[in-house]
């Protein structure tokens, strides 16, 4: 196989694995759209809605799925998990497509959350292990582009199908169901990660999971969870108060609200493609992360300092999404794959992802209380989250650009 063919196969595998990000984000946004419709139809209580949000693909359900899926992925292989969990996801999504009772909604959301979570560490590990050493950041960035694409497609579909009510929401769910089934077929033709296969064939004993909670590995877990966890608290809460921004600045119609939200995700995609994918493998990653953190802090601080006007809101959207494209989430995927040995890589990613998503699920119960304190106070709190994320990330951030996974492992071993 020529080098050009290797690169094409690597990109094919990256896209097929990275579609887990599309399904993850698409499930979150489509769920929020459908829940608003189901709340009226089934007269769901606020407590019931809170439980759905907490245990679905956005939080605790995905966290538990990532934890279990990550462990199984290191034991059974990346392909086994990322192929078959799409069938489980499809089963959960089918319940949502054809839901006629609250129990089907609850069960469907829980299954979808677990399956999405299980797919994340398998997909992220495969992408990092299959990508060329000097293009690992570029390939990880493509997976993040797909994450941003999911909400754009779901939002535009929801807007186009608004007049259909619940049927429109079911059609949006159905498109995710079809993608999951197609992925099951296409992924069956993919090869297992060569690095995982080689590690299995080496005859070395698999390190115990407790290894991750000592020395350099524990430091990496704490750095990743701190950096991404506080950023994710901002991101999760942003989804709660962003509609308030749209209403306040006059974007009263559904079309205007969807257009602005879709634009925000499109800015993020452009930032990933034009900045992160171009630079992450070639420049000082700590510096790149720091620039992103400063941009996002400045953007969030606008809402805490200035009156909420259309120019301020638009500048906020641009700064947060542009800075976010080459910031915490993109680096979390990349670094969480680079900082751990092959036989514990997915387990470590699952642990980090689980802590972050479960924390968001718990925090989501307190968001209504925070919003009651006033918008300015909430903006200050969220600015603080971004500052903490930026400080932790900058202090801990590794210098992995251009290095192979084997080189990184050798450096960790030498430093131990």
Protein backbone atom coordinates (compact mmCIF):
# COMPACT_ATOMS: atom_id res chain seq x y z
CA UNK A 1 0.00 0.00 0.00
CA UNK A 2 1.39 3.41 -1.00
CA UNK A 3 1.75 6.32 1.38
CA UNK A 4 -1.09 8.15 -0.40
CA UNK A 5 -3.35 5.12 0.10
CA UNK A 6 -2.39 4.97 3.78
CA UNK A 7 -3.40 8.59 4.19
CA UNK A 8 -6.72 8.03 2.41
CA UNK A 9 -7.49 5.04 4.63
CA UNK A 10 -6.55 7.04 7.72
CA UNK A 11 -8.94 9.82 6.71
CA UNK A 12 -11.69 7.30 5.96
CA UNK A 13 -11.24 5.74 9.40
CA UNK A 14 -11.16 9.18 11.03
CA UNK A 15 -14.46 10.20 9.45
CA UNK A 16 -16.20 6.89 10.20
CA UNK A 17 -14.97 6.96 13.80
CA UNK A 18 -15.47 10.71 14.17
CA UNK A 19 -19.14 10.45 13.23
CA UNK A 20 -19.54 9.40 16.87
CA UNK A 21 -19.08 13.12 17.61
CA UNK A 22 -21.78 14.03 15.05
CA UNK A 23 -24.19 11.58 16.67
CA UNK A 24 -23.27 12.75 20.18
CA UNK A 25 -23.92 16.42 19.49
CA UNK A 26 -26.86 15.70 17.21
CA UNK A 27 -28.50 13.58 19.90
CA UNK A 28 -28.14 16.36 22.48
CA UNK A 29 -29.64 19.08 20.28
CA UNK A 30 -32.41 16.94 18.77
CA UNK A 31 -33.34 15.78 22.25
CA UNK A 32 -33.70 19.34 23.52
CA UNK A 33 -35.94 20.20 20.55
CA UNK A 34 -38.16 17.14 21.02
CA UNK A 35 -38.45 17.52 24.79
CA UNK A 36 -40.06 20.92 24.40
CA UNK A 37 -42.77 19.32 22.27
CA UNK A 38 -43.20 16.25 24.46
CA UNK A 39 -43.44 18.34 27.61
CA UNK A 40 -46.74 19.80 26.45
CA UNK A 41 -48.08 16.62 24.87
CA UNK A 42 -47.41 14.34 27.86
CA UNK A 43 -47.60 17.08 30.52
CA UNK A 44 -44.15 16.19 31.78
CA UNK A 45 -43.15 17.79 35.08
CA UNK A 46 -40.00 19.96 35.43
CA UNK A 47 -38.46 17.26 37.63
CA UNK A 48 -39.07 14.62 34.98
CA UNK A 49 -37.53 16.90 32.33
CA UNK A 50 -34.51 17.47 34.54
CA UNK A 51 -33.95 13.74 34.95
CA UNK A 52 -34.16 13.23 31.18
CA UNK A 53 -31.59 15.94 30.62
CA UNK A 54 -29.28 14.63 33.32
CA UNK A 55 -29.34 10.96 32.27
CA UNK A 56 -29.42 11.44 28.51
CA UNK A 57 -26.60 11.89 25.97
CA UNK A 58 -25.55 15.25 27.41
CA UNK A 59 -24.53 14.16 30.88
CA UNK A 60 -24.71 11.20 33.25
CA UNK A 61 -25.86 8.56 30.75
CA UNK A 62 -23.01 9.37 28.38
CA UNK A 63 -20.56 9.47 31.30
CA UNK A 64 -21.49 5.99 32.49
CA UNK A 65 -21.38 4.69 28.92
CA UNK A 66 -17.89 6.15 28.40
CA UNK A 67 -16.60 4.61 31.63
CA UNK A 68 -17.86 1.11 30.81
CA UNK A 69 -17.15 1.40 27.10
CA UNK A 70 -13.60 2.62 27.67
CA UNK A 71 -12.72 -0.37 29.85
CA UNK A 72 -14.27 -2.84 27.38
CA UNK A 73 -12.56 -1.09 24.48
CA UNK A 74 -9.09 -1.73 25.93
CA UNK A 75 -9.96 -5.35 26.64
CA UNK A 76 -11.93 -6.30 23.51
CA UNK A 77 -10.59 -3.88 20.92
CA UNK A 78 -11.69 -0.59 19.40
CA UNK A 79 -13.55 -2.16 16.49
CA UNK A 80 -15.71 -4.41 18.66
CA UNK A 81 -17.03 -1.46 20.63
CA UNK A 82 -17.41 1.19 17.94
CA UNK A 83 -19.15 -1.21 15.59
CA UNK A 84 -21.69 -2.90 17.86
CA UNK A 85 -22.56 0.02 20.09
CA UNK A 86 -24.14 1.72 17.08
CA UNK A 87 -26.72 -1.06 17.00
CA UNK A 88 -27.50 -0.38 20.65
CA UNK A 89 -27.73 3.33 19.85
CA UNK A 90 -30.08 2.56 16.96
CA UNK A 91 -32.35 0.57 19.29
CA UNK A 92 -32.56 3.51 21.70
CA UNK A 93 -33.15 5.99 18.89
CA UNK A 94 -35.89 3.77 17.45
CA UNK A 95 -37.74 4.08 20.76
CA UNK A 96 -37.59 7.87 20.41
CA UNK A 97 -38.70 7.81 16.78
CA UNK A 98 -41.78 5.74 17.63
CA UNK A 99 -42.36 6.93 21.23
CA UNK A 100 -46.00 6.94 22.28
CA UNK A 101 -45.54 6.95 26.06
CA UNK A 102 -43.19 8.58 28.60
CA UNK A 103 -41.50 5.25 29.45
CA UNK A 104 -40.35 4.94 25.82
CA UNK A 105 -38.83 8.44 26.02
CA UNK A 106 -37.00 7.66 29.26
CA UNK A 107 -35.71 4.29 28.04
CA UNK A 108 -34.72 5.68 24.65
CA UNK A 109 -32.78 8.59 26.09
CA UNK A 110 -30.97 6.37 28.57
CA UNK A 111 -29.93 3.84 25.90
CA UNK A 112 -28.85 6.61 23.53
CA UNK A 113 -26.77 8.25 26.27
CA UNK A 114 -25.04 5.01 27.24
CA UNK A 115 -24.29 4.08 23.62
CA UNK A 116 -22.99 7.53 22.68
CA UNK A 117 -20.74 7.54 25.73
CA UNK A 118 -19.34 4.09 24.95
CA UNK A 119 -18.51 5.12 21.40
CA UNK A 120 -16.50 8.21 22.33
CA UNK A 121 -13.35 6.59 23.86
CA UNK A 122 -13.31 3.88 21.20
CA UNK A 123 -13.52 6.40 18.38
CA UNK A 124 -11.07 8.88 19.86
CA UNK A 125 -8.52 6.14 20.56
CA UNK A 126 -8.82 4.75 17.05
CA UNK A 127 -8.39 8.17 15.45
CA UNK A 128 -5.22 8.91 17.45
CA UNK A 129 -3.76 5.44 16.88
CA UNK A 130 -4.42 5.34 13.13
CA UNK A 131 -3.47 8.93 12.25
CA UNK A 132 0.03 9.74 10.94
CA UNK A 133 2.26 10.95 13.78
CA UNK A 134 2.66 14.41 12.25
CA UNK A 135 -1.09 14.80 11.56
CA UNK A 136 -2.69 13.50 14.74
CA UNK A 137 -4.03 16.96 15.65
CA UNK A 138 -5.42 17.42 12.15
CA UNK A 139 -7.31 14.12 12.33
CA UNK A 140 -8.60 14.83 15.84
CA UNK A 141 -9.75 18.22 14.60
CA UNK A 142 -11.82 16.59 11.84
CA UNK A 143 -13.72 14.65 14.51
CA UNK A 144 -14.45 17.95 16.25
CA UNK A 145 -15.69 19.47 12.99
CA UNK A 146 -18.18 16.61 12.84
CA UNK A 147 -19.22 17.39 16.42
CA UNK A 148 -20.10 20.96 15.41
CA UNK A 149 -21.77 19.77 12.21
CA UNK A 150 -24.29 17.66 14.14
CA UNK A 151 -26.07 20.63 15.79
CA UNK A 152 -26.04 22.64 12.54
CA UNK A 153 -27.80 19.86 10.62
CA UNK A 154 -30.25 19.14 13.45
CA UNK A 155 -31.10 22.83 13.95
CA UNK A 156 -31.69 23.42 10.23
CA UNK A 157 -33.77 20.24 9.93
CA UNK A 158 -35.81 21.23 12.98
CA UNK A 159 -36.43 24.68 11.51
CA UNK A 160 -37.53 23.24 8.16
CA UNK A 161 -39.84 20.74 9.88
CA UNK A 162 -41.26 23.09 12.54
CA UNK A 163 -44.75 23.02 11.04
CA UNK A 164 -44.90 19.25 11.48
CA UNK A 165 -44.62 19.45 15.26
CA UNK A 166 -43.83 16.10 16.87
CA UNK A 167 -43.56 14.40 13.48
CA UNK A 168 -40.74 16.81 12.59
CA UNK A 169 -38.86 15.83 15.76
CA UNK A 170 -39.32 12.15 14.92
CA UNK A 171 -37.90 12.73 11.43
CA UNK A 172 -34.83 14.40 12.96
CA UNK A 173 -34.39 11.38 15.25
CA UNK A 174 -34.87 9.08 12.26
CA UNK A 175 -31.95 10.64 10.38
CA UNK A 176 -29.69 9.83 13.35
CA UNK A 177 -31.07 6.28 13.40
CA UNK A 178 -30.25 5.84 9.71
CA UNK A 179 -26.70 7.17 10.21
CA UNK A 180 -26.16 4.75 13.10
CA UNK A 181 -27.28 1.78 11.00
CA UNK A 182 -25.12 2.90 8.08
CA UNK A 183 -22.14 3.28 10.42
CA UNK A 184 -22.65 -0.26 11.70
CA UNK A 185 -22.29 -1.53 8.13
CA UNK A 186 -19.41 0.75 7.09
CA UNK A 187 -17.42 0.23 10.29
CA UNK A 188 -17.61 -3.54 9.84
CA UNK A 189 -15.19 -3.11 6.93
CA UNK A 190 -12.65 -1.16 8.94
CA UNK A 191 -9.50 -2.73 10.35
CA UNK A 192 -8.73 -2.95 14.05
CA UNK A 193 -6.28 -0.39 15.41
CA UNK A 194 -2.80 -1.65 14.54
CA UNK A 195 -1.30 -0.21 17.69
CA UNK A 196 -3.86 -2.03 19.85
CA UNK A 197 -3.29 -5.25 17.89
CA UNK A 198 0.48 -4.95 18.33
CA UNK A 199 0.09 -4.30 22.06
CA UNK A 200 -2.09 -7.40 22.38
CA UNK A 201 0.42 -9.50 20.44
CA UNK A 202 3.38 -8.28 22.48
CA UNK A 203 2.53 -10.66 25.31
CA UNK A 204 2.92 -7.95 27.94
CA UNK A 205 0.46 -8.06 30.80
CA UNK A 206 -2.21 -5.38 30.72
CA UNK A 207 -1.47 -2.81 33.44
CA UNK A 208 -4.14 -2.68 36.15
CA UNK A 209 -6.56 0.23 36.00
CA UNK A 210 -5.12 1.42 39.33
CA UNK A 211 -2.00 2.41 37.36
CA UNK A 212 -3.94 5.42 36.09
CA UNK A 213 -4.28 6.81 39.60
CA UNK A 214 -0.56 7.11 40.29
CA UNK A 215 2.25 9.41 39.20
CA UNK A 216 2.21 10.97 35.74
CA UNK A 217 -1.04 9.29 34.74
CA UNK A 218 -2.92 10.70 37.72
CA UNK A 219 -1.49 14.13 36.94
CA UNK A 220 -2.74 13.81 33.37
CA UNK A 221 -6.23 12.79 34.50
CA UNK A 222 -6.43 15.70 36.93
CA UNK A 223 -5.14 18.13 34.31
CA UNK A 224 -7.58 16.94 31.66
CA UNK A 225 -10.59 16.81 33.98
CA UNK A 226 -9.82 20.23 35.46
CA UNK A 227 -9.19 21.91 32.11
CA UNK A 228 -12.12 20.37 30.26
CA UNK A 229 -14.45 19.97 33.24
CA UNK A 230 -14.69 23.67 34.09
CA UNK A 231 -14.94 24.54 30.40
CA UNK A 232 -17.76 22.02 30.02
CA UNK A 233 -19.64 23.55 32.95
CA UNK A 234 -19.63 26.77 30.96
CA UNK A 235 -20.65 24.99 27.74
CA UNK A 236 -23.48 23.07 29.38
CA UNK A 237 -24.84 26.17 31.12
CA UNK A 238 -24.46 28.23 27.94
CA UNK A 239 -27.10 26.05 26.32
CA UNK A 240 -29.46 26.99 29.15
CA UNK A 241 -29.08 30.75 29.02
CA UNK A 242 -28.33 31.31 25.32
CA UNK A 243 -32.06 31.38 24.43
CA UNK A 244 -32.39 34.20 26.99
CA UNK A 245 -29.76 36.16 25.06
CA UNK A 246 -31.63 35.63 21.80
CA UNK A 247 -34.92 36.80 23.30
CA UNK A 248 -33.33 39.81 24.99
CA UNK A 249 -31.63 41.17 21.88
CA UNK A 250 -34.79 40.85 19.84
CA UNK A 251 -34.35 37.57 18.00
CA UNK A 252 -37.91 36.65 18.88
CA UNK A 253 -38.78 34.35 15.97
CA UNK A 254 -37.84 30.70 15.81
CA UNK A 255 -36.09 31.24 12.47
CA UNK A 256 -33.88 34.00 13.85
CA UNK A 257 -32.97 31.99 16.95
CA UNK A 258 -32.07 28.90 14.93
CA UNK A 259 -30.09 30.96 12.40
CA UNK A 260 -27.94 32.56 15.12
CA UNK A 261 -27.34 29.22 16.84
CA UNK A 262 -26.43 27.55 13.54
CA UNK A 263 -24.10 30.46 12.74
CA UNK A 264 -22.37 30.03 16.09
CA UNK A 265 -21.61 26.37 15.37
CA UNK A 266 -20.47 27.26 11.84
CA UNK A 267 -17.96 29.74 13.32
CA UNK A 268 -16.66 26.96 15.56
CA UNK A 269 -16.24 24.64 12.56
CA UNK A 270 -14.31 27.31 10.68
CA UNK A 271 -12.05 27.89 13.68
CA UNK A 272 -11.24 24.18 13.95
CA UNK A 273 -10.52 23.86 10.24
CA UNK A 274 -8.55 27.07 9.79
CA UNK A 275 -6.70 27.20 13.12
CA UNK A 276 -6.62 23.94 15.09
CA UNK A 277 -6.22 21.53 12.16
CA UNK A 278 -3.57 23.74 10.57
CA UNK A 279 -1.49 24.51 13.66
CA UNK A 280 -1.93 21.86 16.38
CA UNK A 281 0.73 19.56 14.91
CA UNK A 282 3.24 22.34 14.24
CA UNK A 283 3.15 25.04 16.94
CA UNK A 284 3.47 25.23 20.71
CA UNK A 285 0.20 23.65 21.87
CA UNK A 286 0.33 25.36 25.26
CA UNK A 287 0.48 28.77 23.58
CA UNK A 288 -2.33 27.90 21.19
CA UNK A 289 -4.51 26.76 24.09
CA UNK A 290 -3.71 29.92 26.07
CA UNK A 291 -4.75 32.18 23.18
CA UNK A 292 -8.04 30.30 22.93
CA UNK A 293 -8.68 30.62 26.68
CA UNK A 294 -8.03 34.39 26.67
CA UNK A 295 -10.37 34.92 23.72
CA UNK A 296 -13.16 32.97 25.40
CA UNK A 297 -12.73 34.70 28.76
CA UNK A 298 -12.91 38.10 27.04
CA UNK A 299 -16.05 37.03 25.19
CA UNK A 300 -17.81 35.79 28.33
CA UNK A 301 -16.75 38.86 30.32
CA UNK A 302 -18.57 41.07 27.79
CA UNK A 303 -21.89 39.82 29.14
CA UNK A 304 -20.84 40.54 32.72
CA UNK A 305 -19.62 44.09 32.01
CA UNK A 306 -21.74 45.59 29.23
CA UNK A 307 -25.51 45.87 28.67
CA UNK A 308 -26.86 43.09 26.49
CA UNK A 309 -27.26 44.62 23.03
CA UNK A 310 -27.20 43.06 19.58
CA UNK A 311 -23.55 44.06 18.90
CA UNK A 312 -22.45 42.70 22.29
CA UNK A 313 -24.36 39.43 21.74
CA UNK A 314 -22.92 38.95 18.25
CA UNK A 315 -19.38 39.69 19.46
CA UNK A 316 -19.94 37.22 22.30
CA UNK A 317 -21.01 34.51 19.84
CA UNK A 318 -18.00 35.15 17.60
CA UNK A 319 -15.38 35.24 20.37
CA UNK A 320 -16.69 32.18 22.23
CA UNK A 321 -17.07 30.04 19.13
CA UNK A 322 -13.90 31.18 17.35
CA UNK A 323 -11.81 30.77 20.49
CA UNK A 324 -13.51 27.50 21.35
CA UNK A 325 -12.66 25.91 18.03
CA UNK A 326 -8.98 25.56 18.92
CA UNK A 327 -9.45 25.35 22.66
CA UNK A 328 -10.50 23.04 25.46
CA UNK A 329 -12.71 20.55 23.65
CA UNK A 330 -10.38 19.99 20.69
CA UNK A 331 -7.35 19.64 22.95
CA UNK A 332 -9.24 17.38 25.35
CA UNK A 333 -9.81 14.84 22.59
CA UNK A 334 -6.20 15.07 21.40
CA UNK A 335 -4.41 15.08 24.75
CA UNK A 336 -6.62 12.41 26.35
CA UNK A 337 -5.47 10.02 23.62
CA UNK A 338 -1.80 11.00 23.82
CA UNK A 339 -1.13 10.89 27.54
CA UNK A 340 -1.81 7.20 28.26
CA UNK A 341 -0.46 3.79 27.14
CA UNK A 342 -2.29 1.85 24.44
CA UNK A 343 -3.72 -0.81 26.75
CA UNK A 344 -5.21 1.82 29.08
CA UNK A 345 -5.88 4.64 26.58
CA UNK A 346 -9.63 4.16 26.17
CA UNK A 347 -10.07 3.40 29.87
CA UNK A 348 -8.39 6.69 30.78
CA UNK A 349 -10.46 8.59 28.24
CA UNK A 350 -13.60 6.96 29.57
CA UNK A 351 -12.73 7.93 33.14
CA UNK A 352 -12.03 11.56 32.19
CA UNK A 353 -15.13 11.82 30.02
CA UNK A 354 -17.29 10.20 32.70
CA UNK A 355 -16.15 12.58 35.45
CA UNK A 356 -16.77 15.60 33.22
CA UNK A 357 -20.20 14.54 31.92
CA UNK A 358 -21.47 13.27 35.28
CA UNK A 359 -20.33 16.50 36.93
CA UNK A 360 -22.27 18.45 34.31
CA UNK A 361 -25.32 16.31 35.00
CA UNK A 362 -25.14 17.06 38.72
CA UNK A 363 -24.43 20.75 38.10
CA UNK A 364 -27.41 21.02 35.74
CA UNK A 365 -29.76 20.62 38.71
CA UNK A 366 -28.38 23.86 40.18
CA UNK A 367 -28.45 25.96 36.99
CA UNK A 368 -32.01 27.24 37.58
CA UNK A 369 -30.91 28.47 41.02
CA UNK A 370 -27.95 30.29 39.49
CA UNK A 371 -30.08 31.96 36.84
CA UNK A 372 -32.38 33.21 39.59
CA UNK A 373 -29.49 35.24 41.01
CA UNK A 374 -29.55 37.47 37.93
CA UNK A 375 -27.98 37.35 34.50
CA UNK A 376 -24.94 39.46 35.41
CA UNK A 377 -24.10 37.24 38.38
CA UNK A 378 -24.43 34.14 36.20
CA UNK A 379 -22.16 35.71 33.56
CA UNK A 380 -19.52 36.39 36.23
CA UNK A 381 -19.71 32.79 37.48
CA UNK A 382 -19.31 31.43 33.94
CA UNK A 383 -16.42 33.79 33.28
CA UNK A 384 -14.81 32.35 36.39
CA UNK A 385 -15.27 28.80 35.05
CA UNK A 386 -13.44 29.77 31.85
CA UNK A 387 -10.65 31.46 33.80
CA UNK A 388 -10.14 28.34 35.95
CA UNK A 389 -10.17 26.11 32.85
CA UNK A 390 -7.62 28.34 31.14
CA UNK A 391 -5.28 28.50 34.15
CA UNK A 392 -5.35 24.71 34.69
CA UNK A 393 -4.89 24.02 30.99
CA UNK A 394 -2.00 26.42 30.57
CA UNK A 395 -0.22 25.19 33.71
CA UNK A 396 -0.60 21.51 32.77
CA UNK A 397 -0.63 21.54 28.95
CA UNK A 398 1.88 19.10 27.41
CA UNK A 399 4.13 19.74 24.42
CA UNK A 400 3.15 16.80 22.19
CA UNK A 401 3.15 18.41 18.77
CA UNK A 402 4.81 16.29 16.06
CA UNK A 403 5.67 13.36 18.36
CA UNK A 404 4.63 9.74 17.85
CA UNK A 405 2.61 7.94 20.50
CA UNK A 406 5.62 5.67 21.08
CA UNK A 407 7.90 8.67 21.61
CA UNK A 408 5.46 10.15 24.10
CA UNK A 409 5.27 6.83 25.95
CA UNK A 410 9.08 6.63 26.10
CA UNK A 411 9.24 10.17 27.52
CA UNK A 412 6.71 9.29 30.23
CA UNK A 413 8.65 6.13 31.09
CA UNK A 414 11.92 8.08 31.33
CA UNK A 415 10.32 10.66 33.58
CA UNK A 416 8.81 8.05 35.90
